[in-house]
């Protein structure tokens, strides 16, 4: 089952972004992941508060692959750079349609 990495990112320091995108994108793709959205064109249509500076959605082939990527030694220095230079939540979401689940 597919798994989606979803992040809402507000940058506090942009110095890490260029290297991160150049180096992490091939890592994600090598694992069968693909970017569905990586954009600052975000409009809130419900709820409170400002939209994030950047919204990110990555589709991974499975939760196991997504978690393996997130916790990998290869990604660790880039994750640390992202965490130092930005704030915002990061989620893993299983590709399930809960309306089809038995109640």
PDB file of N, CA and C in Angstrom:
ATOM      1  N   UNK A   1       0.836  -1.165   0.000  1.00  0.00           N
ATOM      2  CA  UNK A   1       0.000   0.000   0.000  1.00  0.00           C
ATOM      3  C   UNK A   1       0.890   1.240   0.000  1.00  0.00           C
ATOM      4  N   UNK A   2       0.508   2.223  -0.757  1.00  0.00           N
ATOM      5  CA  UNK A   2       1.275   3.462  -0.843  1.00  0.00           C
ATOM      6  C   UNK A   2       1.244   4.210   0.486  1.00  0.00           C
ATOM      7  N   UNK A   3       2.264   5.026   0.699  1.00  0.00           N
ATOM      8  CA  UNK A   3       2.367   5.852   1.889  1.00  0.00           C
ATOM      9  C   UNK A   3       2.826   7.239   1.437  1.00  0.00           C
ATOM     10  N   UNK A   4       2.259   8.250   2.044  1.00  0.00           N
ATOM     11  CA  UNK A   4       2.537   9.624   1.647  1.00  0.00           C
ATOM     12  C   UNK A   4       3.244  10.369   2.774  1.00  0.00           C
ATOM     13  N   UNK A   5       4.359  10.995   2.434  1.00  0.00           N
ATOM     14  CA  UNK A   5       5.039  11.904   3.354  1.00  0.00           C
ATOM     15  C   UNK A   5       4.473  13.285   3.064  1.00  0.00           C
ATOM     16  N   UNK A   6       3.959  13.924   4.098  1.00  0.00           N
ATOM     17  CA  UNK A   6       3.342  15.240   3.950  1.00  0.00           C
ATOM     18  C   UNK A   6       3.995  16.177   4.956  1.00  0.00           C
ATOM     19  N   UNK A   7       4.482  17.299   4.462  1.00  0.00           N
ATOM     20  CA  UNK A   7       5.137  18.270   5.326  1.00  0.00           C
ATOM     21  C   UNK A   7       4.617  19.666   5.025  1.00  0.00           C
ATOM     22  N   UNK A   8       4.488  20.449   6.080  1.00  0.00           N
ATOM     23  CA  UNK A   8       4.148  21.863   5.969  1.00  0.00           C
ATOM     24  C   UNK A   8       5.342  22.618   6.529  1.00  0.00           C
ATOM     25  N   UNK A   9       6.053  23.309   5.665  1.00  0.00           N
ATOM     26  CA  UNK A   9       7.364  23.825   6.011  1.00  0.00           C
ATOM     27  C   UNK A   9       7.379  25.353   5.971  1.00  0.00           C
ATOM     28  N   UNK A  10       7.883  25.938   7.038  1.00  0.00           N
ATOM     29  CA  UNK A  10       8.187  27.357   7.074  1.00  0.00           C
ATOM     30  C   UNK A  10       9.691  27.485   7.291  1.00  0.00           C
ATOM     31  N   UNK A  11      10.368  28.166   6.388  1.00  0.00           N
ATOM     32  CA  UNK A  11      11.820  28.279   6.429  1.00  0.00           C
ATOM     33  C   UNK A  11      12.265  29.351   7.412  1.00  0.00           C
ATOM     34  N   UNK A  12      13.257  29.004   8.220  1.00  0.00           N
ATOM     35  CA  UNK A  12      13.879  29.973   9.121  1.00  0.00           C
ATOM     36  C   UNK A  12      15.268  30.361   8.613  1.00  0.00           C
ATOM     37  N   UNK A  13      15.822  29.528   7.718  1.00  0.00           N
ATOM     38  CA  UNK A  13      17.121  29.767   7.082  1.00  0.00           C
ATOM     39  C   UNK A  13      17.089  29.013   5.763  1.00  0.00           C
ATOM     40  N   UNK A  14      17.305  29.681   4.666  1.00  0.00           N
ATOM     41  CA  UNK A  14      17.190  29.028   3.354  1.00  0.00           C
ATOM     42  C   UNK A  14      18.514  28.501   2.814  1.00  0.00           C
ATOM     43  N   UNK A  15      19.590  28.604   3.568  1.00  0.00           N
ATOM     44  CA  UNK A  15      20.908  28.206   3.096  1.00  0.00           C
ATOM     45  C   UNK A  15      21.043  26.730   2.740  1.00  0.00           C
ATOM     46  N   UNK A  16      20.228  25.882   3.281  1.00  0.00           N
ATOM     47  CA  UNK A  16      20.333  24.431   3.085  1.00  0.00           C
ATOM     48  C   UNK A  16      19.497  23.925   1.909  1.00  0.00           C
ATOM     49  N   UNK A  17      18.574  24.715   1.399  1.00  0.00           N
ATOM     50  CA  UNK A  17      17.545  24.234   0.475  1.00  0.00           C
ATOM     51  C   UNK A  17      18.115  23.715  -0.843  1.00  0.00           C
ATOM     52  N   UNK A  18      18.991  24.461  -1.484  1.00  0.00           N
ATOM     53  CA  UNK A  18      19.499  24.071  -2.805  1.00  0.00           C
ATOM     54  C   UNK A  18      20.187  22.702  -2.762  1.00  0.00           C
ATOM     55  N   UNK A  19      21.086  22.506  -1.806  1.00  0.00           N
ATOM     56  CA  UNK A  19      21.789  21.228  -1.678  1.00  0.00           C
ATOM     57  C   UNK A  19      20.816  20.112  -1.309  1.00  0.00           C
ATOM     58  N   UNK A  20      19.878  20.395  -0.421  1.00  0.00           N
ATOM     59  CA  UNK A  20      18.882  19.411   0.000  1.00  0.00           C
ATOM     60  C   UNK A  20      18.093  18.900  -1.197  1.00  0.00           C
ATOM     61  N   UNK A  21      17.542  19.813  -1.987  1.00  0.00           N
ATOM     62  CA  UNK A  21      16.735  19.416  -3.148  1.00  0.00           C
ATOM     63  C   UNK A  21      17.588  18.624  -4.138  1.00  0.00           C
ATOM     64  N   UNK A  22      18.797  19.097  -4.414  1.00  0.00           N
ATOM     65  CA  UNK A  22      19.667  18.422  -5.379  1.00  0.00           C
ATOM     66  C   UNK A  22      20.066  17.026  -4.936  1.00  0.00           C
ATOM     67  N   UNK A  23      20.251  16.815  -3.654  1.00  0.00           N
ATOM     68  CA  UNK A  23      20.754  15.531  -3.164  1.00  0.00           C
ATOM     69  C   UNK A  23      19.652  14.589  -2.696  1.00  0.00           C
ATOM     70  N   UNK A  24      18.568  15.136  -2.125  1.00  0.00           N
ATOM     71  CA  UNK A  24      17.512  14.280  -1.575  1.00  0.00           C
ATOM     72  C   UNK A  24      16.560  13.785  -2.660  1.00  0.00           C
ATOM     73  N   UNK A  25      16.295  14.603  -3.664  1.00  0.00           N
ATOM     74  CA  UNK A  25      15.386  14.177  -4.740  1.00  0.00           C
ATOM     75  C   UNK A  25      15.825  12.854  -5.359  1.00  0.00           C
ATOM     76  N   UNK A  26      17.102  12.676  -5.729  1.00  0.00           N
ATOM     77  CA  UNK A  26      17.512  11.377  -6.270  1.00  0.00           C
ATOM     78  C   UNK A  26      17.380  10.224  -5.270  1.00  0.00           C
ATOM     79  N   UNK A  27      17.577  10.499  -3.972  1.00  0.00           N
ATOM     80  CA  UNK A  27      17.389   9.454  -2.951  1.00  0.00           C
ATOM     81  C   UNK A  27      15.951   8.962  -2.970  1.00  0.00           C
ATOM     82  N   UNK A  28      15.025   9.910  -2.963  1.00  0.00           N
ATOM     83  CA  UNK A  28      13.595   9.571  -2.959  1.00  0.00           C
ATOM     84  C   UNK A  28      13.259   8.764  -4.216  1.00  0.00           C
ATOM     85  N   UNK A  29      13.704   9.237  -5.362  1.00  0.00           N
ATOM     86  CA  UNK A  29      13.393   8.568  -6.627  1.00  0.00           C
ATOM     87  C   UNK A  29      14.010   7.185  -6.709  1.00  0.00           C
ATOM     88  N   UNK A  30      15.213   7.016  -6.175  1.00  0.00           N
ATOM     89  CA  UNK A  30      15.881   5.710  -6.190  1.00  0.00           C
ATOM     90  C   UNK A  30      15.073   4.668  -5.410  1.00  0.00           C
ATOM     91  N   UNK A  31      14.305   5.120  -4.409  1.00  0.00           N
ATOM     92  CA  UNK A  31      13.492   4.227  -3.593  1.00  0.00           C
ATOM     93  C   UNK A  31      12.093   4.026  -4.160  1.00  0.00           C
ATOM     94  N   UNK A  32      11.835   4.590  -5.333  1.00  0.00           N
ATOM     95  CA  UNK A  32      10.515   4.456  -5.943  1.00  0.00           C
ATOM     96  C   UNK A  32       9.545   5.538  -5.521  1.00  0.00           C
ATOM     97  N   UNK A  33      10.041   6.555  -4.804  1.00  0.00           N
ATOM     98  CA  UNK A  33       9.191   7.660  -4.392  1.00  0.00           C
ATOM     99  C   UNK A  33       9.077   8.690  -5.487  1.00  0.00           C
ATOM    100  N   UNK A  34       8.019   9.504  -5.402  1.00  0.00           N
ATOM    101  CA  UNK A  34       7.879  10.591  -6.358  1.00  0.00           C
ATOM    102  C   UNK A  34       7.195  11.774  -5.687  1.00  0.00           C
ATOM    103  N   UNK A  35       7.647  12.944  -6.070  1.00  0.00           N
ATOM    104  CA  UNK A  35       7.084  14.177  -5.523  1.00  0.00           C
ATOM    105  C   UNK A  35       5.771  14.468  -6.233  1.00  0.00           C
ATOM    106  N   UNK A  36       4.706  14.584  -5.456  1.00  0.00           N
ATOM    107  CA  UNK A  36       3.407  14.966  -6.002  1.00  0.00           C
ATOM    108  C   UNK A  36       3.188  16.462  -5.874  1.00  0.00           C
ATOM    109  N   UNK A  37       3.755  17.060  -4.845  1.00  0.00           N
ATOM    110  CA  UNK A  37       3.682  18.511  -4.654  1.00  0.00           C
ATOM    111  C   UNK A  37       4.898  18.960  -3.861  1.00  0.00           C
ATOM    112  N   UNK A  38       5.482  20.039  -4.309  1.00  0.00           N
ATOM    113  CA  UNK A  38       6.598  20.697  -3.605  1.00  0.00           C
ATOM    114  C   UNK A  38       6.469  22.158  -4.019  1.00  0.00           C
ATOM    115  N   UNK A  39       5.606  22.869  -3.283  1.00  0.00           N
ATOM    116  CA  UNK A  39       5.184  24.173  -3.772  1.00  0.00           C
ATOM    117  C   UNK A  39       4.938  25.183  -2.656  1.00  0.00           C
ATOM    118  N   UNK A  40       5.081  26.435  -3.005  1.00  0.00           N
ATOM    119  CA  UNK A  40       4.704  27.510  -2.090  1.00  0.00           C
ATOM    120  C   UNK A  40       3.358  28.119  -2.498  1.00  0.00           C
ATOM    121  N   UNK A  41       2.719  27.543  -3.488  1.00  0.00           N
ATOM    122  CA  UNK A  41       1.391  28.003  -3.912  1.00  0.00           C
ATOM    123  C   UNK A  41       0.342  27.245  -3.108  1.00  0.00           C
ATOM    124  N   UNK A  42       0.051  27.768  -1.924  1.00  0.00           N
ATOM    125  CA  UNK A  42      -0.851  27.134  -0.970  1.00  0.00           C
ATOM    126  C   UNK A  42      -1.868  28.172  -0.520  1.00  0.00           C
ATOM    127  N   UNK A  43      -3.142  27.842  -0.606  1.00  0.00           N
ATOM    128  CA  UNK A  43      -4.210  28.714  -0.123  1.00  0.00           C
ATOM    129  C   UNK A  43      -5.045  27.951   0.887  1.00  0.00           C
ATOM    130  N   UNK A  44      -5.253  28.528   2.060  1.00  0.00           N
ATOM    131  CA  UNK A  44      -6.114  27.923   3.063  1.00  0.00           C
ATOM    132  C   UNK A  44      -7.557  28.261   2.676  1.00  0.00           C
ATOM    133  N   UNK A  45      -8.388  27.234   2.574  1.00  0.00           N
ATOM    134  CA  UNK A  45      -9.799  27.482   2.257  1.00  0.00           C
ATOM    135  C   UNK A  45     -10.717  27.163   3.433  1.00  0.00           C
ATOM    136  N   UNK A  46     -10.174  26.529   4.466  1.00  0.00           N
ATOM    137  CA  UNK A  46     -10.893  26.291   5.721  1.00  0.00           C
ATOM    138  C   UNK A  46      -9.894  26.301   6.857  1.00  0.00           C
ATOM    139  N   UNK A  47     -10.393  26.510   8.056  1.00  0.00           N
ATOM    140  CA  UNK A  47      -9.543  26.463   9.243  1.00  0.00           C
ATOM    141  C   UNK A  47      -8.907  27.806   9.552  1.00  0.00           C
ATOM    142  N   UNK A  48      -8.054  27.782  10.560  1.00  0.00           N
ATOM    143  CA  UNK A  48      -7.446  29.007  11.088  1.00  0.00           C
ATOM    144  C   UNK A  48      -5.956  29.046  10.795  1.00  0.00           C
ATOM    145  N   UNK A  49      -5.418  30.233  10.801  1.00  0.00           N
ATOM    146  CA  UNK A  49      -3.984  30.437  10.693  1.00  0.00           C
ATOM    147  C   UNK A  49      -3.505  30.551   9.267  1.00  0.00           C
ATOM    148  N   UNK A  50      -2.291  31.028   9.131  1.00  0.00           N
ATOM    149  CA  UNK A  50      -1.722  31.210   7.799  1.00  0.00           C
ATOM    150  C   UNK A  50      -1.314  29.864   7.188  1.00  0.00           C
ATOM    151  N   UNK A  51      -1.323  29.775   5.870  1.00  0.00           N
ATOM    152  CA  UNK A  51      -0.830  28.547   5.232  1.00  0.00           C
ATOM    153  C   UNK A  51       0.685  28.459   5.395  1.00  0.00           C
ATOM    154  N   UNK A  52       1.246  27.254   5.286  1.00  0.00           N
ATOM    155  CA  UNK A  52       2.700  27.115   5.396  1.00  0.00           C
ATOM    156  C   UNK A  52       3.388  27.771   4.208  1.00  0.00           C
ATOM    157  N   UNK A  53       4.648  28.074   4.381  1.00  0.00           N
ATOM    158  CA  UNK A  53       5.431  28.639   3.288  1.00  0.00           C
ATOM    159  C   UNK A  53       5.578  27.672   2.128  1.00  0.00           C
ATOM    160  N   UNK A  54       5.740  26.401   2.438  1.00  0.00           N
ATOM    161  CA  UNK A  54       5.860  25.349   1.423  1.00  0.00           C
ATOM    162  C   UNK A  54       5.084  24.128   1.885  1.00  0.00           C
ATOM    163  N   UNK A  55       4.415  23.487   0.952  1.00  0.00           N
ATOM    164  CA  UNK A  55       3.676  22.258   1.210  1.00  0.00           C
ATOM    165  C   UNK A  55       4.315  21.169   0.369  1.00  0.00           C
ATOM    166  N   UNK A  56       4.536  20.014   0.981  1.00  0.00           N
ATOM    167  CA  UNK A  56       5.245  18.922   0.326  1.00  0.00           C
ATOM    168  C   UNK A  56       4.440  17.631   0.440  1.00  0.00           C
ATOM    169  N   UNK A  57       4.308  16.923  -0.675  1.00  0.00           N
ATOM    170  CA  UNK A  57       3.705  15.588  -0.668  1.00  0.00           C
ATOM    171  C   UNK A  57       4.607  14.678  -1.503  1.00  0.00           C
ATOM    172  N   UNK A  58       5.077  13.597  -0.872  1.00  0.00           N
ATOM    173  CA  UNK A  58       5.874  12.586  -1.569  1.00  0.00           C
ATOM    174  C   UNK A  58       5.126  11.266  -1.472  1.00  0.00           C
ATOM    175  N   UNK A  59       4.954  10.598  -2.588  1.00  0.00           N
ATOM    176  CA  UNK A  59       4.340   9.271  -2.602  1.00  0.00           C
ATOM    177  C   UNK A  59       5.443   8.219  -2.579  1.00  0.00           C
ATOM    178  N   UNK A  60       5.389   7.335  -1.594  1.00  0.00           N
ATOM    179  CA  UNK A  60       6.310   6.208  -1.503  1.00  0.00           C
ATOM    180  C   UNK A  60       5.557   4.922  -1.798  1.00  0.00           C
ATOM    181  N   UNK A  61       6.235   3.888  -2.271  1.00  0.00           N
ATOM    182  CA  UNK A  61       5.559   2.631  -2.584  1.00  0.00           C
ATOM    183  C   UNK A  61       4.937   1.941  -1.367  1.00  0.00           C
ATOM    184  N   UNK A  62       5.482   2.210  -0.172  1.00  0.00           N
ATOM    185  CA  UNK A  62       4.963   1.578   1.045  1.00  0.00           C
ATOM    186  C   UNK A  62       5.418   2.373   2.264  1.00  0.00           C
ATOM    187  N   UNK A  63       4.781   2.118   3.403  1.00  0.00           N
ATOM    188  CA  UNK A  63       5.198   2.737   4.665  1.00  0.00           C
ATOM    189  C   UNK A  63       6.613   2.282   5.024  1.00  0.00           C
ATOM    190  N   UNK A  64       6.917   1.025   4.777  1.00  0.00           N
ATOM    191  CA  UNK A  64       8.243   0.501   5.096  1.00  0.00           C
ATOM    192  C   UNK A  64       9.325   1.284   4.344  1.00  0.00           C
ATOM    193  N   UNK A  65       9.094   1.578   3.074  1.00  0.00           N
ATOM    194  CA  UNK A  65      10.068   2.346   2.293  1.00  0.00           C
ATOM    195  C   UNK A  65      10.154   3.774   2.831  1.00  0.00           C
ATOM    196  N   UNK A  66       9.018   4.398   3.130  1.00  0.00           N
ATOM    197  CA  UNK A  66       9.001   5.773   3.643  1.00  0.00           C
ATOM    198  C   UNK A  66       9.744   5.862   4.969  1.00  0.00           C
ATOM    199  N   UNK A  67       9.465   4.943   5.881  1.00  0.00           N
ATOM    200  CA  UNK A  67      10.146   4.959   7.174  1.00  0.00           C
ATOM    201  C   UNK A  67      11.628   4.658   7.028  1.00  0.00           C
ATOM    202  N   UNK A  68      11.954   3.735   6.126  1.00  0.00           N
ATOM    203  CA  UNK A  68      13.359   3.416   5.881  1.00  0.00           C
ATOM    204  C   UNK A  68      14.122   4.628   5.377  1.00  0.00           C
ATOM    205  N   UNK A  69      13.515   5.376   4.475  1.00  0.00           N
ATOM    206  CA  UNK A  69      14.135   6.600   3.975  1.00  0.00           C
ATOM    207  C   UNK A  69      14.319   7.604   5.105  1.00  0.00           C
ATOM    208  N   UNK A  70      13.258   7.867   5.860  1.00  0.00           N
ATOM    209  CA  UNK A  70      13.283   8.887   6.909  1.00  0.00           C
ATOM    210  C   UNK A  70      14.342   8.593   7.973  1.00  0.00           C
ATOM    211  N   UNK A  71      14.521   7.330   8.296  1.00  0.00           N
ATOM    212  CA  UNK A  71      15.455   6.937   9.359  1.00  0.00           C
ATOM    213  C   UNK A  71      16.835   6.515   8.835  1.00  0.00           C
ATOM    214  N   UNK A  72      17.070   6.650   7.539  1.00  0.00           N
ATOM    215  CA  UNK A  72      18.329   6.164   6.954  1.00  0.00           C
ATOM    216  C   UNK A  72      19.512   7.053   7.316  1.00  0.00           C
ATOM    217  N   UNK A  73      20.684   6.432   7.363  1.00  0.00           N
ATOM    218  CA  UNK A  73      21.921   7.180   7.590  1.00  0.00           C
ATOM    219  C   UNK A  73      22.192   8.133   6.440  1.00  0.00           C
ATOM    220  N   UNK A  74      21.822   7.733   5.226  1.00  0.00           N
ATOM    221  CA  UNK A  74      22.058   8.578   4.056  1.00  0.00           C
ATOM    222  C   UNK A  74      21.263   9.886   4.154  1.00  0.00           C
ATOM    223  N   UNK A  75      20.034   9.810   4.628  1.00  0.00           N
ATOM    224  CA  UNK A  75      19.187  11.001   4.728  1.00  0.00           C
ATOM    225  C   UNK A  75      19.480  11.830   5.978  1.00  0.00           C
ATOM    226  N   UNK A  76      20.071  11.240   7.008  1.00  0.00           N
ATOM    227  CA  UNK A  76      20.254  11.882   8.311  1.00  0.00           C
ATOM    228  C   UNK A  76      20.852  13.294   8.247  1.00  0.00           C
ATOM    229  N   UNK A  77      21.932  13.536   7.513  1.00  0.00           N
ATOM    230  CA  UNK A  77      22.473  14.898   7.522  1.00  0.00           C
ATOM    231  C   UNK A  77      21.547  15.911   6.850  1.00  0.00           C
ATOM    232  N   UNK A  78      20.775  15.468   5.889  1.00  0.00           N
ATOM    233  CA  UNK A  78      19.843  16.365   5.198  1.00  0.00           C
ATOM    234  C   UNK A  78      18.616  16.638   6.065  1.00  0.00           C
ATOM    235  N   UNK A  79      18.181  15.609   6.791  1.00  0.00           N
ATOM    236  CA  UNK A  79      17.081  15.799   7.738  1.00  0.00           C
ATOM    237  C   UNK A  79      17.499  16.797   8.808  1.00  0.00           C
ATOM    238  N   UNK A  80      18.724  16.664   9.306  1.00  0.00           N
ATOM    239  CA  UNK A  80      19.217  17.584  10.336  1.00  0.00           C
ATOM    240  C   UNK A  80      19.276  19.017   9.801  1.00  0.00           C
ATOM    241  N   UNK A  81      19.722  19.193   8.564  1.00  0.00           N
ATOM    242  CA  UNK A  81      19.773  20.528   7.961  1.00  0.00           C
ATOM    243  C   UNK A  81      18.375  21.107   7.818  1.00  0.00           C
ATOM    244  N   UNK A  82      17.426  20.277   7.386  1.00  0.00           N
ATOM    245  CA  UNK A  82      16.034  20.725   7.258  1.00  0.00           C
ATOM    246  C   UNK A  82      15.474  21.123   8.609  1.00  0.00           C
ATOM    247  N   UNK A  83      15.741  20.337   9.618  1.00  0.00           N
ATOM    248  CA  UNK A  83      15.213  20.625  10.951  1.00  0.00           C
ATOM    249  C   UNK A  83      15.845  21.883  11.552  1.00  0.00           C
ATOM    250  N   UNK A  84      17.104  22.140  11.232  1.00  0.00           N
ATOM    251  CA  UNK A  84      17.762  23.363  11.719  1.00  0.00           C
ATOM    252  C   UNK A  84      17.244  24.603  11.002  1.00  0.00           C
ATOM    253  N   UNK A  85      16.891  24.453   9.721  1.00  0.00           N
ATOM    254  CA  UNK A  85      16.550  25.608   8.907  1.00  0.00           C
ATOM    255  C   UNK A  85      15.073  25.780   8.602  1.00  0.00           C
ATOM    256  N   UNK A  86      14.214  25.020   9.293  1.00  0.00           N
ATOM    257  CA  UNK A  86      12.779  25.164   9.047  1.00  0.00           C
ATOM    258  C   UNK A  86      11.993  24.653  10.248  1.00  0.00           C
ATOM    259  N   UNK A  87      10.731  24.986  10.249  1.00  0.00           N
ATOM    260  CA  UNK A  87       9.809  24.481  11.264  1.00  0.00           C
ATOM    261  C   UNK A  87       8.544  24.013  10.556  1.00  0.00           C
ATOM    262  N   UNK A  88       7.854  23.106  11.203  1.00  0.00           N
ATOM    263  CA  UNK A  88       6.590  22.629  10.672  1.00  0.00           C
ATOM    264  C   UNK A  88       6.464  21.128  10.821  1.00  0.00           C
ATOM    265  N   UNK A  89       5.224  20.645  10.792  1.00  0.00           N
ATOM    266  CA  UNK A  89       4.983  19.214  10.985  1.00  0.00           C
ATOM    267  C   UNK A  89       5.327  18.394   9.747  1.00  0.00           C
ATOM    268  N   UNK A  90       5.643  17.133   9.991  1.00  0.00           N
ATOM    269  CA  UNK A  90       5.985  16.155   8.952  1.00  0.00           C
ATOM    270  C   UNK A  90       5.194  14.897   9.291  1.00  0.00           C
ATOM    271  N   UNK A  91       4.414  14.397   8.356  1.00  0.00           N
ATOM    272  CA  UNK A  91       3.530  13.253   8.605  1.00  0.00           C
ATOM    273  C   UNK A  91       3.810  12.117   7.631  1.00  0.00           C
ATOM    274  N   UNK A  92       3.516  10.887   8.052  1.00  0.00           N
ATOM    275  CA  UNK A  92       3.392   9.753   7.143  1.00  0.00           C
ATOM    276  C   UNK A  92       1.934   9.329   7.175  1.00  0.00           C
ATOM    277  N   UNK A  93       1.345   9.220   5.982  1.00  0.00           N
ATOM    278  CA  UNK A  93      -0.085   8.917   5.854  1.00  0.00           C
ATOM    279  C   UNK A  93      -0.246   7.708   4.961  1.00  0.00           C
ATOM    280  N   UNK A  94      -0.860   6.635   5.490  1.00  0.00           N
ATOM    281  CA  UNK A  94      -1.107   5.451   4.678  1.00  0.00           C
ATOM    282  C   UNK A  94      -2.156   5.761   3.610  1.00  0.00           C
ATOM    283  N   UNK A  95      -1.970   5.192   2.438  1.00  0.00           N
ATOM    284  CA  UNK A  95      -2.886   5.398   1.330  1.00  0.00           C
ATOM    285  C   UNK A  95      -4.118   4.536   1.447  1.00  0.00           C
ATOM    286  N   UNK A  96      -4.893   4.767   2.494  1.00  0.00           N
ATOM    287  CA  UNK A  96      -6.115   4.014   2.745  1.00  0.00           C
ATOM    288  C   UNK A  96      -7.320   4.922   2.594  1.00  0.00           C
ATOM    289  N   UNK A  97      -8.410   4.367   2.153  1.00  0.00           N
ATOM    290  CA  UNK A  97      -9.671   5.099   2.120  1.00  0.00           C
ATOM    291  C   UNK A  97     -10.501   4.599   3.290  1.00  0.00           C
ATOM    292  N   UNK A  98     -10.507   5.357   4.379  1.00  0.00           N
ATOM    293  CA  UNK A  98     -11.190   4.948   5.609  1.00  0.00           C
ATOM    294  C   UNK A  98     -12.674   4.753   5.436  1.00  0.00           C
ATOM    295  N   UNK A  99     -13.271   5.330   4.389  1.00  0.00           N
ATOM    296  CA  UNK A  99     -14.710   5.150   4.199  1.00  0.00           C
ATOM    297  C   UNK A  99     -15.045   3.727   3.788  1.00  0.00           C
ATOM    298  N   UNK A 100     -14.056   2.994   3.294  1.00  0.00           N
ATOM    299  CA  UNK A 100     -14.281   1.619   2.863  1.00  0.00           C
ATOM    300  C   UNK A 100     -14.074   0.628   4.009  1.00  0.00           C
ATOM    301  N   UNK A 101     -13.554   1.096   5.139  1.00  0.00           N
ATOM    302  CA  UNK A 101     -13.263   0.205   6.266  1.00  0.00           C
ATOM    303  C   UNK A 101     -14.558  -0.166   7.000  1.00  0.00           C
ATOM    304  N   UNK A 102     -14.638  -1.402   7.494  1.00  0.00           N
ATOM    305  CA  UNK A 102     -15.817  -1.790   8.264  1.00  0.00           C
ATOM    306  C   UNK A 102     -15.923  -0.984   9.557  1.00  0.00           C
ATOM    307  N   UNK A 103     -17.124  -0.705   9.995  1.00  0.00           N
ATOM    308  CA  UNK A 103     -17.318   0.063  11.226  1.00  0.00           C
ATOM    309  C   UNK A 103     -17.592  -0.832  12.415  1.00  0.00           C
TER     310      UNK A 103
END
